[in-house]
Amino acid sequence: VQTRLALGYKTQSAFAGQLGIGSPQY
């Protein structure tokens, strides 16, 4: 969580999308 927010991704969905995986998986 800390890492995602520090990278500027407010949502899990946006971060997961950048990884190419689904939000539920992440």
PDB file of all heavy atoms in Angstrom:
ATOM      1  N   VAL A   1       0.843  -1.197   0.000  1.00  0.00           N
ATOM      2  CA  VAL A   1       0.000   0.000   0.000  1.00  0.00           C
ATOM      3  C   VAL A   1       0.879   1.249   0.000  1.00  0.00           C
ATOM      4  O   VAL A   1       0.674   2.173  -0.802  1.00  0.00           O
ATOM      5  CB  VAL A   1      -0.958   0.017   1.211  1.00  0.00           C
ATOM      6  CG1 VAL A   1      -1.695   1.345   1.302  1.00  0.00           C
ATOM      7  CG2 VAL A   1      -1.938  -1.144   1.140  1.00  0.00           C
ATOM      8  N   GLN A   2       1.868   1.282   0.888  1.00  0.00           N
ATOM      9  CA  GLN A   2       2.774   2.434   0.962  1.00  0.00           C
ATOM     10  C   GLN A   2       3.463   2.663  -0.379  1.00  0.00           C
ATOM     11  O   GLN A   2       3.593   3.803  -0.836  1.00  0.00           O
ATOM     12  CB  GLN A   2       3.856   2.200   2.021  1.00  0.00           C
ATOM     13  CG  GLN A   2       3.380   2.201   3.431  1.00  0.00           C
ATOM     14  CD  GLN A   2       4.501   1.798   4.394  1.00  0.00           C
ATOM     15  OE1 GLN A   2       5.446   1.106   4.018  1.00  0.00           O
ATOM     16  NE2 GLN A   2       4.391   2.232   5.632  1.00  0.00           N
ATOM     17  N   THR A   3       3.909   1.586  -0.998  1.00  0.00           N
ATOM     18  CA  THR A   3       4.634   1.691  -2.267  1.00  0.00           C
ATOM     19  C   THR A   3       3.725   2.202  -3.369  1.00  0.00           C
ATOM     20  O   THR A   3       4.103   3.112  -4.120  1.00  0.00           O
ATOM     21  CB  THR A   3       5.236   0.327  -2.644  1.00  0.00           C
ATOM     22  OG1 THR A   3       6.099  -0.113  -1.595  1.00  0.00           O
ATOM     23  CG2 THR A   3       6.015   0.408  -3.944  1.00  0.00           C
ATOM     24  N   ARG A   4       2.527   1.633  -3.473  1.00  0.00           N
ATOM     25  CA  ARG A   4       1.581   2.079  -4.508  1.00  0.00           C
ATOM     26  C   ARG A   4       1.285   3.563  -4.365  1.00  0.00           C
ATOM     27  O   ARG A   4       1.325   4.321  -5.343  1.00  0.00           O
ATOM     28  CB  ARG A   4       0.278   1.271  -4.414  1.00  0.00           C
ATOM     29  CG  ARG A   4      -0.807   1.791  -5.346  1.00  0.00           C
ATOM     30  CD  ARG A   4      -2.066   0.958  -5.298  1.00  0.00           C
ATOM     31  NE  ARG A   4      -2.644   0.772  -3.991  1.00  0.00           N
ATOM     32  CZ  ARG A   4      -3.410   1.654  -3.337  1.00  0.00           C
ATOM     33  NH1 ARG A   4      -3.666   2.849  -3.871  1.00  0.00           N
ATOM     34  NH2 ARG A   4      -3.916   1.358  -2.151  1.00  0.00           N
ATOM     35  N   LEU A   5       1.013   4.004  -3.150  1.00  0.00           N
ATOM     36  CA  LEU A   5       0.700   5.419  -2.927  1.00  0.00           C
ATOM     37  C   LEU A   5       1.909   6.310  -3.208  1.00  0.00           C
ATOM     38  O   LEU A   5       1.771   7.386  -3.799  1.00  0.00           O
ATOM     39  CB  LEU A   5       0.194   5.617  -1.499  1.00  0.00           C
ATOM     40  CG  LEU A   5      -1.162   4.966  -1.195  1.00  0.00           C
ATOM     41  CD1 LEU A   5      -1.476   5.068   0.288  1.00  0.00           C
ATOM     42  CD2 LEU A   5      -2.268   5.556  -2.050  1.00  0.00           C
ATOM     43  N   ALA A   6       3.097   5.869  -2.818  1.00  0.00           N
ATOM     44  CA  ALA A   6       4.316   6.644  -3.076  1.00  0.00           C
ATOM     45  C   ALA A   6       4.588   6.769  -4.573  1.00  0.00           C
ATOM     46  O   ALA A   6       5.158   7.761  -5.026  1.00  0.00           O
ATOM     47  CB  ALA A   6       5.503   6.011  -2.363  1.00  0.00           C
ATOM     48  N   LEU A   7       4.162   5.767  -5.335  1.00  0.00           N
ATOM     49  CA  LEU A   7       4.334   5.810  -6.788  1.00  0.00           C
ATOM     50  C   LEU A   7       3.267   6.679  -7.461  1.00  0.00           C
ATOM     51  O   LEU A   7       3.328   6.914  -8.666  1.00  0.00           O
ATOM     52  CB  LEU A   7       4.292   4.395  -7.372  1.00  0.00           C
ATOM     53  CG  LEU A   7       5.513   3.523  -7.070  1.00  0.00           C
ATOM     54  CD1 LEU A   7       5.244   2.074  -7.475  1.00  0.00           C
ATOM     55  CD2 LEU A   7       6.749   4.056  -7.775  1.00  0.00           C
ATOM     56  N   GLY A   8       2.282   7.144  -6.678  1.00  0.00           N
ATOM     57  CA  GLY A   8       1.272   8.050  -7.218  1.00  0.00           C
ATOM     58  C   GLY A   8      -0.009   7.384  -7.685  1.00  0.00           C
ATOM     59  O   GLY A   8      -0.822   8.031  -8.349  1.00  0.00           O
ATOM     60  N   TYR A   9      -0.215   6.139  -7.339  1.00  0.00           N
ATOM     61  CA  TYR A   9      -1.441   5.431  -7.723  1.00  0.00           C
ATOM     62  C   TYR A   9      -2.400   5.445  -6.542  1.00  0.00           C
ATOM     63  O   TYR A   9      -2.153   4.806  -5.527  1.00  0.00           O
ATOM     64  CB  TYR A   9      -1.135   3.994  -8.156  1.00  0.00           C
ATOM     65  CG  TYR A   9      -0.376   3.945  -9.450  1.00  0.00           C
ATOM     66  CD1 TYR A   9       1.011   3.968  -9.454  1.00  0.00           C
ATOM     67  CD2 TYR A   9      -1.049   3.907 -10.664  1.00  0.00           C
ATOM     68  CE1 TYR A   9       1.722   3.950 -10.648  1.00  0.00           C
ATOM     69  CE2 TYR A   9      -0.350   3.883 -11.858  1.00  0.00           C
ATOM     70  CZ  TYR A   9       1.038   3.914 -11.843  1.00  0.00           C
ATOM     71  OH  TYR A   9       1.725   3.894 -13.026  1.00  0.00           O
ATOM     72  N   LYS A  10      -3.497   6.168  -6.686  1.00  0.00           N
ATOM     73  CA  LYS A  10      -4.453   6.297  -5.592  1.00  0.00           C
ATOM     74  C   LYS A  10      -5.316   5.053  -5.425  1.00  0.00           C
ATOM     75  O   LYS A  10      -5.807   4.787  -4.341  1.00  0.00           O
ATOM     76  CB  LYS A  10      -5.330   7.520  -5.797  1.00  0.00           C
ATOM     77  CG  LYS A  10      -4.554   8.814  -5.699  1.00  0.00           C
ATOM     78  CD  LYS A  10      -5.444  10.004  -5.883  1.00  0.00           C
ATOM     79  CE  LYS A  10      -4.610  11.269  -5.790  1.00  0.00           C
ATOM     80  NZ  LYS A  10      -5.395  12.475  -5.937  1.00  0.00           N
ATOM     81  N   THR A  11      -5.503   4.311  -6.508  1.00  0.00           N
ATOM     82  CA  THR A  11      -6.361   3.130  -6.428  1.00  0.00           C
ATOM     83  C   THR A  11      -5.601   1.851  -6.767  1.00  0.00           C
ATOM     84  O   THR A  11      -4.655   1.871  -7.566  1.00  0.00           O
ATOM     85  CB  THR A  11      -7.564   3.239  -7.384  1.00  0.00           C
ATOM     86  OG1 THR A  11      -7.080   3.213  -8.738  1.00  0.00           O
ATOM     87  CG2 THR A  11      -8.363   4.513  -7.136  1.00  0.00           C
ATOM     88  N   GLN A  12      -6.061   0.784  -6.171  1.00  0.00           N
ATOM     89  CA  GLN A  12      -5.499  -0.527  -6.491  1.00  0.00           C
ATOM     90  C   GLN A  12      -5.758  -0.864  -7.951  1.00  0.00           C
ATOM     91  O   GLN A  12      -4.917  -1.454  -8.620  1.00  0.00           O
ATOM     92  CB  GLN A  12      -6.124  -1.610  -5.613  1.00  0.00           C
ATOM     93  CG  GLN A  12      -5.761  -1.546  -4.178  1.00  0.00           C
ATOM     94  CD  GLN A  12      -6.473  -2.613  -3.363  1.00  0.00           C
ATOM     95  OE1 GLN A  12      -7.263  -3.391  -3.881  1.00  0.00           O
ATOM     96  NE2 GLN A  12      -6.190  -2.640  -2.078  1.00  0.00           N
ATOM     97  N   SER A  13      -6.916  -0.470  -8.439  1.00  0.00           N
ATOM     98  CA  SER A  13      -7.307  -0.767  -9.813  1.00  0.00           C
ATOM     99  C   SER A  13      -6.333  -0.150 -10.818  1.00  0.00           C
ATOM    100  O   SER A  13      -5.917  -0.805 -11.777  1.00  0.00           O
ATOM    101  CB  SER A  13      -8.723  -0.258 -10.061  1.00  0.00           C
ATOM    102  OG  SER A  13      -9.123  -0.524 -11.373  1.00  0.00           O
ATOM    103  N   ALA A  14      -5.975   1.104 -10.604  1.00  0.00           N
ATOM    104  CA  ALA A  14      -5.040   1.777 -11.510  1.00  0.00           C
ATOM    105  C   ALA A  14      -3.666   1.111 -11.467  1.00  0.00           C
ATOM    106  O   ALA A  14      -3.026   0.924 -12.505  1.00  0.00           O
ATOM    107  CB  ALA A  14      -4.923   3.256 -11.148  1.00  0.00           C
ATOM    108  N   PHE A  15      -3.225   0.758 -10.277  1.00  0.00           N
ATOM    109  CA  PHE A  15      -1.917   0.112 -10.121  1.00  0.00           C
ATOM    110  C   PHE A  15      -1.924  -1.265 -10.774  1.00  0.00           C
ATOM    111  O   PHE A  15      -1.011  -1.602 -11.537  1.00  0.00           O
ATOM    112  CB  PHE A  15      -1.568   0.006  -8.638  1.00  0.00           C
ATOM    113  CG  PHE A  15      -0.163  -0.443  -8.379  1.00  0.00           C
ATOM    114  CD1 PHE A  15       0.908   0.378  -8.658  1.00  0.00           C
ATOM    115  CD2 PHE A  15       0.088  -1.683  -7.828  1.00  0.00           C
ATOM    116  CE1 PHE A  15       2.218  -0.033  -8.422  1.00  0.00           C
ATOM    117  CE2 PHE A  15       1.385  -2.110  -7.575  1.00  0.00           C
ATOM    118  CZ  PHE A  15       2.450  -1.277  -7.869  1.00  0.00           C
ATOM    119  N   ALA A  16      -2.965  -2.037 -10.502  1.00  0.00           N
ATOM    120  CA  ALA A  16      -3.074  -3.374 -11.094  1.00  0.00           C
ATOM    121  C   ALA A  16      -3.106  -3.288 -12.619  1.00  0.00           C
ATOM    122  O   ALA A  16      -2.490  -4.101 -13.307  1.00  0.00           O
ATOM    123  CB  ALA A  16      -4.318  -4.081 -10.570  1.00  0.00           C
ATOM    124  N   GLY A  17      -3.815  -2.275 -13.130  1.00  0.00           N
ATOM    125  CA  GLY A  17      -3.875  -2.077 -14.577  1.00  0.00           C
ATOM    126  C   GLY A  17      -2.499  -1.843 -15.180  1.00  0.00           C
ATOM    127  O   GLY A  17      -2.194  -2.346 -16.264  1.00  0.00           O
ATOM    128  N   GLN A  18      -1.659  -1.083 -14.486  1.00  0.00           N
ATOM    129  CA  GLN A  18      -0.300  -0.850 -14.966  1.00  0.00           C
ATOM    130  C   GLN A  18       0.522  -2.138 -14.985  1.00  0.00           C
ATOM    131  O   GLN A  18       1.441  -2.277 -15.777  1.00  0.00           O
ATOM    132  CB  GLN A  18       0.404   0.195 -14.105  1.00  0.00           C
ATOM    133  CG  GLN A  18      -0.072   1.598 -14.344  1.00  0.00           C
ATOM    134  CD  GLN A  18       0.211   2.038 -15.770  1.00  0.00           C
ATOM    135  OE1 GLN A  18       1.329   1.941 -16.273  1.00  0.00           O
ATOM    136  NE2 GLN A  18      -0.823   2.509 -16.446  1.00  0.00           N
ATOM    137  N   LEU A  19       0.177  -3.048 -14.087  1.00  0.00           N
ATOM    138  CA  LEU A  19       0.877  -4.334 -14.038  1.00  0.00           C
ATOM    139  C   LEU A  19       0.326  -5.324 -15.054  1.00  0.00           C
ATOM    140  O   LEU A  19       0.947  -6.358 -15.310  1.00  0.00           O
ATOM    141  CB  LEU A  19       0.772  -4.940 -12.634  1.00  0.00           C
ATOM    142  CG  LEU A  19       1.425  -4.159 -11.513  1.00  0.00           C
ATOM    143  CD1 LEU A  19       1.102  -4.799 -10.174  1.00  0.00           C
ATOM    144  CD2 LEU A  19       2.931  -4.058 -11.722  1.00  0.00           C
ATOM    145  N   GLY A  20      -0.837  -5.015 -15.597  1.00  0.00           N
ATOM    146  CA  GLY A  20      -1.466  -5.920 -16.558  1.00  0.00           C
ATOM    147  C   GLY A  20      -2.210  -7.067 -15.892  1.00  0.00           C
ATOM    148  O   GLY A  20      -2.386  -8.122 -16.503  1.00  0.00           O
ATOM    149  N   ILE A  21      -2.638  -6.848 -14.663  1.00  0.00           N
ATOM    150  CA  ILE A  21      -3.419  -7.868 -13.951  1.00  0.00           C
ATOM    151  C   ILE A  21      -4.727  -7.240 -13.480  1.00  0.00           C
ATOM    152  O   ILE A  21      -4.870  -6.017 -13.458  1.00  0.00           O
ATOM    153  CB  ILE A  21      -2.648  -8.465 -12.755  1.00  0.00           C
ATOM    154  CG1 ILE A  21      -2.335  -7.403 -11.695  1.00  0.00           C
ATOM    155  CG2 ILE A  21      -1.376  -9.160 -13.225  1.00  0.00           C
ATOM    156  CD1 ILE A  21      -1.719  -7.950 -10.422  1.00  0.00           C
ATOM    157  N   GLY A  22      -5.662  -8.075 -13.085  1.00  0.00           N
ATOM    158  CA  GLY A  22      -6.940  -7.585 -12.606  1.00  0.00           C
ATOM    159  C   GLY A  22      -6.857  -7.053 -11.185  1.00  0.00           C
ATOM    160  O   GLY A  22      -6.033  -7.506 -10.385  1.00  0.00           O
ATOM    161  N   SER A  23      -7.727  -6.112 -10.901  1.00  0.00           N
ATOM    162  CA  SER A  23      -7.776  -5.541  -9.564  1.00  0.00           C
ATOM    163  C   SER A  23      -8.069  -6.592  -8.480  1.00  0.00           C
ATOM    164  O   SER A  23      -7.438  -6.571  -7.421  1.00  0.00           O
ATOM    165  CB  SER A  23      -8.820  -4.426  -9.530  1.00  0.00           C
ATOM    166  OG  SER A  23      -8.861  -3.834  -8.264  1.00  0.00           O
ATOM    167  N   PRO A  24      -9.002  -7.529  -8.713  1.00  0.00           N
ATOM    168  CA  PRO A  24      -9.249  -8.548  -7.688  1.00  0.00           C
ATOM    169  C   PRO A  24      -8.012  -9.402  -7.398  1.00  0.00           C
ATOM    170  O   PRO A  24      -7.756  -9.761  -6.246  1.00  0.00           O
ATOM    171  CB  PRO A  24     -10.367  -9.403  -8.272  1.00  0.00           C
ATOM    172  CG  PRO A  24     -11.060  -8.514  -9.252  1.00  0.00           C
ATOM    173  CD  PRO A  24      -9.964  -7.640  -9.819  1.00  0.00           C
ATOM    174  N   GLN A  25      -7.239  -9.701  -8.437  1.00  0.00           N
ATOM    175  CA  GLN A  25      -6.016 -10.486  -8.249  1.00  0.00           C
ATOM    176  C   GLN A  25      -5.025  -9.734  -7.364  1.00  0.00           C
ATOM    177  O   GLN A  25      -4.394 -10.318  -6.489  1.00  0.00           O
ATOM    178  CB  GLN A  25      -5.367 -10.820  -9.594  1.00  0.00           C
ATOM    179  CG  GLN A  25      -4.099 -11.642  -9.462  1.00  0.00           C
ATOM    180  CD  GLN A  25      -3.387 -11.874 -10.786  1.00  0.00           C
ATOM    181  OE1 GLN A  25      -3.864 -11.488 -11.846  1.00  0.00           O
ATOM    182  NE2 GLN A  25      -2.229 -12.496 -10.721  1.00  0.00           N
ATOM    183  N   TYR A  26      -4.910  -8.426  -7.575  1.00  0.00           N
ATOM    184  CA  TYR A  26      -3.955  -7.636  -6.803  1.00  0.00           C
ATOM    185  C   TYR A  26      -4.462  -7.315  -5.396  1.00  0.00           C
ATOM    186  O   TYR A  26      -3.697  -7.306  -4.434  1.00  0.00           O
ATOM    187  CB  TYR A  26      -3.612  -6.334  -7.544  1.00  0.00           C
ATOM    188  CG  TYR A  26      -2.637  -5.493  -6.776  1.00  0.00           C
ATOM    189  CD1 TYR A  26      -1.291  -5.840  -6.739  1.00  0.00           C
ATOM    190  CD2 TYR A  26      -3.063  -4.404  -6.036  1.00  0.00           C
ATOM    191  CE1 TYR A  26      -0.387  -5.106  -5.991  1.00  0.00           C
ATOM    192  CE2 TYR A  26      -2.163  -3.661  -5.293  1.00  0.00           C
ATOM    193  CZ  TYR A  26      -0.836  -4.015  -5.268  1.00  0.00           C
ATOM    194  OH  TYR A  26       0.054  -3.293  -4.522  1.00  0.00           O
TER     195      TYR A  26
END
